[in-house]
Amino acid sequence: MIEDLKKDLMEQQALELRSECDETSDEDHEPPRNWSSTLRQIKQLKSENKRLKESNYKQIVEAIRDLPAVVQNLRHITEQLSSFSKSSSAESTPVRLVRSEHLPVSSPASPQEESVDMVSLVPGSDVKVNKMKLNSLRTSNSSVYVGDLAVLIFGRETLASSSLTGRQSAAHKDVESKPQLDAAKLDAIVGYARSRFPSLSVQDIRKIIRKKCNNENFKKGSTAKQVDATQN
């Protein structure tokens, strides 16, 4: 009988132990108490992420739509800056004449240049010119060469305010006559030009110089008008 009681007691203890193990196992598999809160946070994060993506997409689309207007505004600003730069340049140089692309220096020979570099334009002539500047006139176009040579000898200002003969033009009687260009310098230019371009006649050379005077006078007038327009 005692043996039976021991046996029953052992079976009861074993049963209780098994029950405790099962309860422990069930507790291990139970979800944490804050699991539902975690799920809600995950859903909120997903929703926020979706909203941000949609917002960014809308901003990108709007930026693309506004891009043509931005480009147009930038172009307008660039044009204004360019115009302002030209106006400022004109104000800083009230009288700025266009320099020939074939002539590096447009000013006439000055007395300070009386040195070994000064040579007579033609043998026996008192008209002297800087040798280096004379050699810089390199072009096969006879008209351009003679025009640049006239600028080198007289200077642009003198050409613009003078004429070949000093007489009033029959075609423009309402315009006052201009001073005549120095005859000695004209003869020197004609002689030197004919030595470089034998096919040119005296009349051809004089016609080129007359045209150069008219062009320089026109440039001077255009520059003065631009300056007046800028100042006003």
C-alpha atoms as a PDB file:
ATOM      1  CA  MET A   1       0.000   0.000   0.000  1.00  0.00           C
ATOM      2  CA  ILE A   2       2.837   2.351   0.815  1.00  0.00           C
ATOM      3  CA  GLU A   3       4.365   1.475  -2.475  1.00  0.00           C
ATOM      4  CA  ASP A   4       1.125   2.404  -4.219  1.00  0.00           C
ATOM      5  CA  LEU A   5       1.044   5.753  -2.447  1.00  0.00           C
ATOM      6  CA  LYS A   6       4.648   6.472  -3.466  1.00  0.00           C
ATOM      7  CA  LYS A   7       3.807   5.553  -7.018  1.00  0.00           C
ATOM      8  CA  ASP A   8       0.761   7.826  -7.050  1.00  0.00           C
ATOM      9  CA  LEU A   9       2.778  10.665  -5.536  1.00  0.00           C
ATOM     10  CA  MET A  10       5.521  10.311  -8.125  1.00  0.00           C
ATOM     11  CA  GLU A  11       2.994  10.279 -10.971  1.00  0.00           C
ATOM     12  CA  GLN A  12       1.305  13.367  -9.556  1.00  0.00           C
ATOM     13  CA  GLN A  13       4.658  15.212  -9.275  1.00  0.00           C
ATOM     14  CA  ALA A  14       5.560  14.209 -12.819  1.00  0.00           C
ATOM     15  CA  LEU A  15       2.201  15.459 -14.051  1.00  0.00           C
ATOM     16  CA  GLU A  16       2.628  18.813 -12.280  1.00  0.00           C
ATOM     17  CA  LEU A  17       6.151  19.182 -13.682  1.00  0.00           C
ATOM     18  CA  ARG A  18       4.908  18.488 -17.206  1.00  0.00           C
ATOM     19  CA  SER A  19       2.135  21.015 -16.743  1.00  0.00           C
ATOM     20  CA  GLU A  20       4.614  23.681 -15.610  1.00  0.00           C
ATOM     21  CA  CYS A  21       6.800  22.992 -18.668  1.00  0.00           C
ATOM     22  CA  ASP A  22       3.822  23.324 -20.970  1.00  0.00           C
ATOM     23  CA  GLU A  23       2.823  26.613 -19.362  1.00  0.00           C
ATOM     24  CA  THR A  24       6.369  27.913 -19.683  1.00  0.00           C
ATOM     25  CA  SER A  25       6.458  26.912 -23.359  1.00  0.00           C
ATOM     26  CA  ASP A  26       3.151  28.657 -23.999  1.00  0.00           C
ATOM     27  CA  GLU A  27       4.438  31.807 -22.332  1.00  0.00           C
ATOM     28  CA  ASP A  28       7.561  31.715 -24.542  1.00  0.00           C
ATOM     29  CA  HIS A  29       5.392  31.682 -27.678  1.00  0.00           C
ATOM     30  CA  GLU A  30       3.060  34.436 -26.574  1.00  0.00           C
ATOM     31  CA  PRO A  31       3.602  37.693 -28.420  1.00  0.00           C
ATOM     32  CA  PRO A  32       4.943  40.573 -26.377  1.00  0.00           C
ATOM     33  CA  ARG A  33       2.432  42.811 -24.755  1.00  0.00           C
ATOM     34  CA  ASN A  34       3.493  45.841 -26.950  1.00  0.00           C
ATOM     35  CA  TRP A  35       3.268  43.904 -30.235  1.00  0.00           C
ATOM     36  CA  SER A  36       0.108  45.677 -31.323  1.00  0.00           C
ATOM     37  CA  SER A  37       1.726  49.040 -30.589  1.00  0.00           C
ATOM     38  CA  THR A  38       4.725  48.052 -32.712  1.00  0.00           C
ATOM     39  CA  LEU A  39       2.431  47.109 -35.590  1.00  0.00           C
ATOM     40  CA  ARG A  40       0.723  50.471 -35.375  1.00  0.00           C
ATOM     41  CA  GLN A  41       4.076  52.265 -35.493  1.00  0.00           C
ATOM     42  CA  ILE A  42       5.132  50.240 -38.530  1.00  0.00           C
ATOM     43  CA  LYS A  43       1.892  51.148 -40.305  1.00  0.00           C
ATOM     44  CA  GLN A  44       2.373  54.800 -39.411  1.00  0.00           C
ATOM     45  CA  LEU A  45       5.945  54.764 -40.732  1.00  0.00           C
ATOM     46  CA  LYS A  46       4.833  53.140 -43.977  1.00  0.00           C
ATOM     47  CA  SER A  47       2.082  55.703 -44.359  1.00  0.00           C
ATOM     48  CA  GLU A  48       4.478  58.577 -43.671  1.00  0.00           C
ATOM     49  CA  ASN A  49       6.999  57.153 -46.126  1.00  0.00           C
ATOM     50  CA  LYS A  50       4.324  56.936 -48.802  1.00  0.00           C
ATOM     51  CA  ARG A  51       3.212  60.485 -48.114  1.00  0.00           C
ATOM     52  CA  LEU A  52       6.783  61.791 -48.380  1.00  0.00           C
ATOM     53  CA  LYS A  53       7.313  59.981 -51.677  1.00  0.00           C
ATOM     54  CA  GLU A  54       4.130  61.478 -53.090  1.00  0.00           C
ATOM     55  CA  SER A  55       5.111  64.940 -51.858  1.00  0.00           C
ATOM     56  CA  ASN A  56       8.600  64.674 -53.372  1.00  0.00           C
ATOM     57  CA  TYR A  57       7.139  63.464 -56.652  1.00  0.00           C
ATOM     58  CA  LYS A  58       4.763  66.435 -56.787  1.00  0.00           C
ATOM     59  CA  GLN A  59       7.623  68.833 -56.087  1.00  0.00           C
ATOM     60  CA  ILE A  60       9.713  67.290 -58.870  1.00  0.00           C
ATOM     61  CA  VAL A  61       6.826  67.533 -61.328  1.00  0.00           C
ATOM     62  CA  GLU A  62       6.205  71.171 -60.375  1.00  0.00           C
ATOM     63  CA  ALA A  63       9.913  71.972 -60.746  1.00  0.00           C
ATOM     64  CA  ILE A  64       9.943  70.426 -64.226  1.00  0.00           C
ATOM     65  CA  ARG A  65       6.882  72.453 -65.195  1.00  0.00           C
ATOM     66  CA  ASP A  66       8.500  75.657 -63.945  1.00  0.00           C
ATOM     67  CA  LEU A  67      11.834  74.938 -65.682  1.00  0.00           C
ATOM     68  CA  PRO A  68      11.008  76.745 -68.986  1.00  0.00           C
ATOM     69  CA  ALA A  69      10.012  79.874 -67.073  1.00  0.00           C
ATOM     70  CA  VAL A  70      13.236  79.715 -65.056  1.00  0.00           C
ATOM     71  CA  VAL A  71      15.304  79.383 -68.237  1.00  0.00           C
ATOM     72  CA  GLN A  72      13.471  82.337 -69.774  1.00  0.00           C
ATOM     73  CA  ASN A  73      14.126  84.459 -66.688  1.00  0.00           C
ATOM     74  CA  LEU A  74      17.810  83.550 -66.730  1.00  0.00           C
ATOM     75  CA  ARG A  75      18.032  84.471 -70.413  1.00  0.00           C
ATOM     76  CA  HIS A  76      16.349  87.804 -69.700  1.00  0.00           C
ATOM     77  CA  ILE A  77      18.730  88.515 -66.815  1.00  0.00           C
ATOM     78  CA  THR A  78      21.726  87.626 -69.021  1.00  0.00           C
ATOM     79  CA  GLU A  79      20.556  90.025 -71.727  1.00  0.00           C
ATOM     80  CA  GLN A  80      20.087  92.791 -69.166  1.00  0.00           C
ATOM     81  CA  LEU A  81      23.576  92.222 -67.748  1.00  0.00           C
ATOM     82  CA  SER A  82      25.045  92.255 -71.259  1.00  0.00           C
ATOM     83  CA  SER A  83      23.242  95.499 -72.072  1.00  0.00           C
ATOM     84  CA  PHE A  84      24.381  97.040 -68.782  1.00  0.00           C
ATOM     85  CA  SER A  85      27.969  95.986 -69.480  1.00  0.00           C
ATOM     86  CA  LYS A  86      27.891  97.628 -72.917  1.00  0.00           C
ATOM     87  CA  SER A  87      26.407 100.813 -71.472  1.00  0.00           C
ATOM     88  CA  SER A  88      29.057 100.958 -68.746  1.00  0.00           C
ATOM     89  CA  SER A  89      31.787 100.426 -71.327  1.00  0.00           C
ATOM     90  CA  ALA A  90      30.411 103.230 -73.484  1.00  0.00           C
ATOM     91  CA  GLU A  91      30.291 105.600 -70.494  1.00  0.00           C
ATOM     92  CA  SER A  92      33.863 104.832 -69.511  1.00  0.00           C
ATOM     93  CA  THR A  93      35.090 105.548 -73.056  1.00  0.00           C
ATOM     94  CA  PRO A  94      33.076 108.505 -74.406  1.00  0.00           C
ATOM     95  CA  VAL A  95      34.841 108.477 -77.765  1.00  0.00           C
ATOM     96  CA  ARG A  96      35.881 104.984 -78.752  1.00  0.00           C
ATOM     97  CA  LEU A  97      36.566 104.394 -82.416  1.00  0.00           C
ATOM     98  CA  VAL A  98      36.544 100.949 -83.982  1.00  0.00           C
ATOM     99  CA  ARG A  99      40.052  99.704 -84.647  1.00  0.00           C
ATOM    100  CA  SER A 100      40.820  97.990 -87.931  1.00  0.00           C
ATOM    101  CA  GLU A 101      41.529  94.292 -87.582  1.00  0.00           C
ATOM    102  CA  HIS A 102      44.497  94.727 -89.861  1.00  0.00           C
ATOM    103  CA  LEU A 103      46.005  97.668 -87.970  1.00  0.00           C
ATOM    104  CA  PRO A 104      47.260  97.056 -84.405  1.00  0.00           C
ATOM    105  CA  VAL A 105      47.868 100.753 -83.674  1.00  0.00           C
ATOM    106  CA  SER A 106      45.781 103.566 -85.154  1.00  0.00           C
ATOM    107  CA  SER A 107      47.514 106.666 -83.781  1.00  0.00           C
ATOM    108  CA  PRO A 108      49.781 108.679 -86.105  1.00  0.00           C
ATOM    109  CA  ALA A 109      53.498 108.837 -85.621  1.00  0.00           C
ATOM    110  CA  SER A 110      54.372 111.127 -82.709  1.00  0.00           C
ATOM    111  CA  PRO A 111      57.488 113.296 -82.325  1.00  0.00           C
ATOM    112  CA  GLN A 112      58.659 111.070 -79.473  1.00  0.00           C
ATOM    113  CA  GLU A 113      59.104 108.226 -81.951  1.00  0.00           C
ATOM    114  CA  GLU A 114      61.898 110.045 -83.785  1.00  0.00           C
ATOM    115  CA  SER A 115      64.474 107.293 -83.465  1.00  0.00           C
ATOM    116  CA  VAL A 116      66.257 104.657 -85.465  1.00  0.00           C
ATOM    117  CA  ASP A 117      62.896 102.880 -85.909  1.00  0.00           C
ATOM    118  CA  MET A 118      61.485 105.789 -87.924  1.00  0.00           C
ATOM    119  CA  VAL A 119      61.917 105.493 -91.679  1.00  0.00           C
ATOM    120  CA  SER A 120      60.839 107.593 -94.653  1.00  0.00           C
ATOM    121  CA  LEU A 121      57.708 106.257 -96.285  1.00  0.00           C
ATOM    122  CA  VAL A 122      59.263 106.860 -99.728  1.00  0.00           C
ATOM    123  CA  PRO A 123      62.878 107.788-100.572  1.00  0.00           C
ATOM    124  CA  GLY A 124      63.534 111.510-100.212  1.00  0.00           C
ATOM    125  CA  SER A 125      60.263 112.169 -98.359  1.00  0.00           C
ATOM    126  CA  ASP A 126      60.019 113.954 -95.033  1.00  0.00           C
ATOM    127  CA  VAL A 127      57.035 111.773 -94.111  1.00  0.00           C
ATOM    128  CA  LYS A 128      58.358 109.261 -91.607  1.00  0.00           C
ATOM    129  CA  VAL A 129      56.672 106.259 -90.064  1.00  0.00           C
ATOM    130  CA  ASN A 130      57.524 103.661 -87.449  1.00  0.00           C
ATOM    131  CA  LYS A 131      59.151 100.771 -89.278  1.00  0.00           C
ATOM    132  CA  MET A 132      57.648  98.103 -87.018  1.00  0.00           C
ATOM    133  CA  LYS A 133      54.123  99.466 -87.463  1.00  0.00           C
ATOM    134  CA  LEU A 134      54.612  99.735 -91.213  1.00  0.00           C
ATOM    135  CA  ASN A 135      55.745  96.109 -91.409  1.00  0.00           C
ATOM    136  CA  SER A 136      52.680  95.048 -89.427  1.00  0.00           C
ATOM    137  CA  LEU A 137      50.455  96.027 -92.376  1.00  0.00           C
ATOM    138  CA  ARG A 138      50.319  92.588 -93.951  1.00  0.00           C
ATOM    139  CA  THR A 139      47.389  91.948 -96.260  1.00  0.00           C
ATOM    140  CA  SER A 140      46.965  91.057 -99.915  1.00  0.00           C
ATOM    141  CA  ASN A 141      43.871  93.267-100.167  1.00  0.00           C
ATOM    142  CA  SER A 142      45.081  96.531-101.686  1.00  0.00           C
ATOM    143  CA  SER A 143      42.060  98.561-100.527  1.00  0.00           C
ATOM    144  CA  VAL A 144      42.444  97.410 -96.928  1.00  0.00           C
ATOM    145  CA  TYR A 145      46.192  98.019 -97.036  1.00  0.00           C
ATOM    146  CA  VAL A 146      45.878 101.586 -98.330  1.00  0.00           C
ATOM    147  CA  GLY A 147      43.136 102.354 -95.798  1.00  0.00           C
ATOM    148  CA  ASP A 148      45.224 101.051 -92.907  1.00  0.00           C
ATOM    149  CA  LEU A 149      48.260 102.938 -94.199  1.00  0.00           C
ATOM    150  CA  ALA A 150      46.227 106.157 -94.206  1.00  0.00           C
ATOM    151  CA  VAL A 151      45.212 105.508 -90.590  1.00  0.00           C
ATOM    152  CA  LEU A 152      48.848 104.919 -89.652  1.00  0.00           C
ATOM    153  CA  ILE A 153      49.972 108.181 -91.268  1.00  0.00           C
ATOM    154  CA  PHE A 154      47.076 110.501 -90.391  1.00  0.00           C
ATOM    155  CA  GLY A 155      45.252 108.832 -87.497  1.00  0.00           C
ATOM    156  CA  ARG A 156      41.531 108.084 -87.368  1.00  0.00           C
ATOM    157  CA  GLU A 157      40.528 111.425 -85.845  1.00  0.00           C
ATOM    158  CA  THR A 158      42.200 113.393 -88.640  1.00  0.00           C
ATOM    159  CA  LEU A 159      40.666 111.203 -91.343  1.00  0.00           C
ATOM    160  CA  ALA A 160      37.204 111.562 -89.793  1.00  0.00           C
ATOM    161  CA  SER A 161      37.395 115.371 -89.710  1.00  0.00           C
ATOM    162  CA  SER A 162      39.180 115.990 -93.037  1.00  0.00           C
ATOM    163  CA  SER A 163      38.633 115.521 -96.750  1.00  0.00           C
ATOM    164  CA  LEU A 164      40.799 114.742 -99.743  1.00  0.00           C
ATOM    165  CA  THR A 165      40.490 118.146-101.435  1.00  0.00           C
ATOM    166  CA  GLY A 166      39.117 120.449 -98.725  1.00  0.00           C
ATOM    167  CA  ARG A 167      36.356 121.553-101.090  1.00  0.00           C
ATOM    168  CA  GLN A 168      32.631 121.355-100.405  1.00  0.00           C
ATOM    169  CA  SER A 169      30.935 118.313-101.888  1.00  0.00           C
ATOM    170  CA  ALA A 170      28.617 119.067-104.806  1.00  0.00           C
ATOM    171  CA  ALA A 171      26.292 116.281-103.656  1.00  0.00           C
ATOM    172  CA  HIS A 172      26.099 117.650-100.095  1.00  0.00           C
ATOM    173  CA  LYS A 173      26.026 121.429-100.361  1.00  0.00           C
ATOM    174  CA  ASP A 174      24.328 121.698 -96.990  1.00  0.00           C
ATOM    175  CA  VAL A 175      27.390 120.168 -95.310  1.00  0.00           C
ATOM    176  CA  GLU A 176      30.322 122.404 -94.431  1.00  0.00           C
ATOM    177  CA  SER A 177      33.628 121.717 -96.116  1.00  0.00           C
ATOM    178  CA  LYS A 178      36.332 119.946 -94.145  1.00  0.00           C
ATOM    179  CA  PRO A 179      40.060 120.719 -93.906  1.00  0.00           C
ATOM    180  CA  GLN A 180      42.202 119.161 -96.602  1.00  0.00           C
ATOM    181  CA  LEU A 181      44.528 116.310 -95.736  1.00  0.00           C
ATOM    182  CA  ASP A 182      48.236 117.116 -95.758  1.00  0.00           C
ATOM    183  CA  ALA A 183      49.308 117.012 -99.404  1.00  0.00           C
ATOM    184  CA  ALA A 184      52.848 115.795 -98.653  1.00  0.00           C
ATOM    185  CA  LYS A 185      51.527 112.848 -96.656  1.00  0.00           C
ATOM    186  CA  LEU A 186      49.002 112.061 -99.396  1.00  0.00           C
ATOM    187  CA  ASP A 187      51.758 112.004-102.026  1.00  0.00           C
ATOM    188  CA  ALA A 188      53.875 109.754 -99.799  1.00  0.00           C
ATOM    189  CA  ILE A 189      50.985 107.313 -99.328  1.00  0.00           C
ATOM    190  CA  VAL A 190      50.313 107.264-103.079  1.00  0.00           C
ATOM    191  CA  GLY A 191      53.975 106.629-103.889  1.00  0.00           C
ATOM    192  CA  TYR A 192      54.381 103.851-101.315  1.00  0.00           C
ATOM    193  CA  ALA A 193      51.081 102.184-102.217  1.00  0.00           C
ATOM    194  CA  ARG A 194      51.984 102.093-105.924  1.00  0.00           C
ATOM    195  CA  SER A 195      55.311 100.476-105.073  1.00  0.00           C
ATOM    196  CA  ARG A 196      53.450  97.724-103.221  1.00  0.00           C
ATOM    197  CA  PHE A 197      50.550  97.415-105.667  1.00  0.00           C
ATOM    198  CA  PRO A 198      51.694  98.504-109.147  1.00  0.00           C
ATOM    199  CA  SER A 199      48.250  97.787-110.601  1.00  0.00           C
ATOM    200  CA  LEU A 200      46.727 100.624-108.549  1.00  0.00           C
ATOM    201  CA  SER A 201      46.473 104.014-110.207  1.00  0.00           C
ATOM    202  CA  VAL A 202      46.737 107.365-108.447  1.00  0.00           C
ATOM    203  CA  GLN A 203      42.977 107.789-108.861  1.00  0.00           C
ATOM    204  CA  ASP A 204      42.358 104.366-107.293  1.00  0.00           C
ATOM    205  CA  ILE A 205      44.450 105.229-104.247  1.00  0.00           C
ATOM    206  CA  ARG A 206      42.815 108.628-103.784  1.00  0.00           C
ATOM    207  CA  LYS A 207      39.378 107.008-104.065  1.00  0.00           C
ATOM    208  CA  ILE A 208      40.307 104.501-101.333  1.00  0.00           C
ATOM    209  CA  ILE A 209      41.496 107.297 -99.034  1.00  0.00           C
ATOM    210  CA  ARG A 210      38.335 109.335 -99.701  1.00  0.00           C
ATOM    211  CA  LYS A 211      36.218 106.321 -98.785  1.00  0.00           C
ATOM    212  CA  LYS A 212      38.308 105.787 -95.641  1.00  0.00           C
ATOM    213  CA  CYS A 213      37.651 109.398 -94.571  1.00  0.00           C
ATOM    214  CA  ASN A 214      33.910 108.910 -95.045  1.00  0.00           C
ATOM    215  CA  ASN A 215      33.938 105.633 -93.094  1.00  0.00           C
ATOM    216  CA  GLU A 216      35.852 107.125 -90.174  1.00  0.00           C
ATOM    217  CA  ASN A 217      33.501 110.128 -90.111  1.00  0.00           C
ATOM    218  CA  PHE A 218      30.498 107.783 -90.048  1.00  0.00           C
ATOM    219  CA  LYS A 219      32.014 105.712 -87.224  1.00  0.00           C
ATOM    220  CA  LYS A 220      32.719 108.867 -85.237  1.00  0.00           C
ATOM    221  CA  GLY A 221      29.116 110.041 -85.628  1.00  0.00           C
ATOM    222  CA  SER A 222      27.707 106.635 -84.685  1.00  0.00           C
ATOM    223  CA  THR A 223      29.869 106.465 -81.574  1.00  0.00           C
ATOM    224  CA  ALA A 224      28.778 109.946 -80.504  1.00  0.00           C
ATOM    225  CA  LYS A 225      25.107 108.991 -80.919  1.00  0.00           C
ATOM    226  CA  GLN A 226      25.596 105.848 -78.835  1.00  0.00           C
ATOM    227  CA  VAL A 227      27.235 107.861 -76.071  1.00  0.00           C
ATOM    228  CA  ASP A 228      24.414 110.429 -76.084  1.00  0.00           C
ATOM    229  CA  ALA A 229      21.789 107.675 -75.966  1.00  0.00           C
ATOM    230  CA  THR A 230      23.567 106.034 -73.035  1.00  0.00           C
ATOM    231  CA  GLN A 231      23.890 109.268 -71.070  1.00  0.00           C
ATOM    232  CA  ASN A 232      20.247 110.170 -71.655  1.00  0.00           C
END
